[in-house]
Amino acid sequence: MTPKRKAAAGGPHPETAPSLPQLCSEAADHVAHARLALYDESYDTDRALHHLDEAIDCLKRLLAHGRAAQTNGTHARLRSA
């Protein structure tokens, strides 16, 4: 069973969707935290899996955004910062 996602304090409100760079950054942060959990002295696999689940959630939101842009007739292109 996957833990339910909790709203982060100070994070984006549900009515305002995060931007694509924010989603990418959030996914990368979760992957980095997962690596730390695995390579730390404690070797916390549950914590690492939680962060990987959160990263996958971010990537799913990116995919949904891309699919929504395609069905609306606008092909959103990612621009480099």
Protein backbone atom coordinates (compact mmCIF):
# COMPACT_ATOMS: atom_id res chain seq x y z
CA MET A 1 0.00 0.00 0.00
CA THR A 2 1.38 3.37 -1.02
CA PRO A 3 1.22 6.15 1.59
CA LYS A 4 -1.11 9.02 0.72
CA ARG A 5 0.56 12.24 -0.30
CA LYS A 6 0.28 15.08 2.19
CA ALA A 7 0.29 18.74 1.24
CA ALA A 8 3.63 20.31 2.07
CA ALA A 9 3.58 23.35 4.29
CA GLY A 10 4.45 26.39 2.24
CA GLY A 11 4.09 24.40 -0.99
CA PRO A 12 1.89 25.22 -3.95
CA HIS A 13 -1.84 25.45 -3.33
CA PRO A 14 -4.08 22.86 -5.03
CA GLU A 15 -5.66 25.53 -7.22
CA THR A 16 -2.26 26.60 -8.61
CA ALA A 17 -0.42 23.87 -10.48
CA PRO A 18 3.38 23.89 -10.26
CA SER A 19 5.32 24.79 -13.38
CA LEU A 20 7.18 22.20 -15.42
CA PRO A 21 10.59 23.26 -14.04
CA GLN A 22 9.20 23.03 -10.51
CA LEU A 23 7.94 19.49 -11.16
CA CYS A 24 11.31 18.46 -12.61
CA SER A 25 13.13 19.98 -9.66
CA GLU A 26 10.80 18.28 -7.18
CA ALA A 27 11.32 14.90 -8.88
CA ALA A 28 15.10 15.36 -8.85
CA ASP A 29 15.02 16.32 -5.17
CA HIS A 30 13.09 13.18 -4.30
CA VAL A 31 15.54 10.99 -6.23
CA ALA A 32 18.44 12.68 -4.42
CA HIS A 33 16.76 12.06 -1.05
CA ALA A 34 16.19 8.42 -1.99
CA ARG A 35 19.88 8.02 -2.82
CA LEU A 36 20.85 9.56 0.49
CA ALA A 37 18.50 7.24 2.35
CA LEU A 38 20.09 4.22 0.69
CA TYR A 39 23.70 5.28 1.00
CA ASP A 40 23.42 6.79 4.46
CA GLU A 41 24.64 4.78 7.44
CA SER A 42 21.06 3.94 8.42
CA TYR A 43 20.19 2.37 5.01
CA ASP A 44 16.52 3.36 5.29
CA THR A 45 14.80 1.50 2.43
CA ASP A 46 11.29 2.58 3.46
CA ARG A 47 12.29 6.22 3.29
CA ALA A 48 14.02 5.68 -0.06
CA LEU A 49 10.93 3.98 -1.50
CA HIS A 50 8.74 6.81 -0.27
CA HIS A 51 10.93 9.35 -2.06
CA LEU A 52 10.98 7.26 -5.23
CA ASP A 53 7.18 7.06 -5.12
CA GLU A 54 7.03 10.84 -4.81
CA ALA A 55 9.43 11.25 -7.75
CA ILE A 56 7.26 8.92 -9.86
CA ASP A 57 4.22 11.01 -8.91
CA CYS A 58 6.00 14.14 -10.17
CA LEU A 59 6.86 12.42 -13.45
CA LYS A 60 3.25 11.27 -13.87
CA ARG A 61 2.12 14.87 -13.43
CA LEU A 62 4.63 15.93 -16.09
CA LEU A 63 3.27 13.29 -18.44
CA ALA A 64 -0.31 14.37 -17.77
CA HIS A 65 0.63 17.97 -18.49
CA GLY A 66 2.23 16.98 -21.79
CA ARG A 67 -0.75 14.89 -22.82
CA ALA A 68 -3.17 17.67 -21.91
CA ALA A 69 -1.17 20.13 -23.99
CA GLN A 70 -1.30 17.77 -26.99
CA THR A 71 -5.05 17.24 -26.77
CA ASN A 72 -5.64 20.99 -26.51
CA GLY A 73 -3.84 21.46 -29.81
CA THR A 74 -0.92 23.28 -28.29
CA HIS A 75 2.31 21.39 -28.31
CA ALA A 76 4.10 22.63 -25.23
CA ARG A 77 7.84 22.60 -25.64
CA LEU A 78 10.22 22.51 -22.74
CA ARG A 79 12.68 25.36 -22.81
CA SER A 80 16.04 25.34 -21.11
CA ALA A 81 16.51 27.78 -18.27
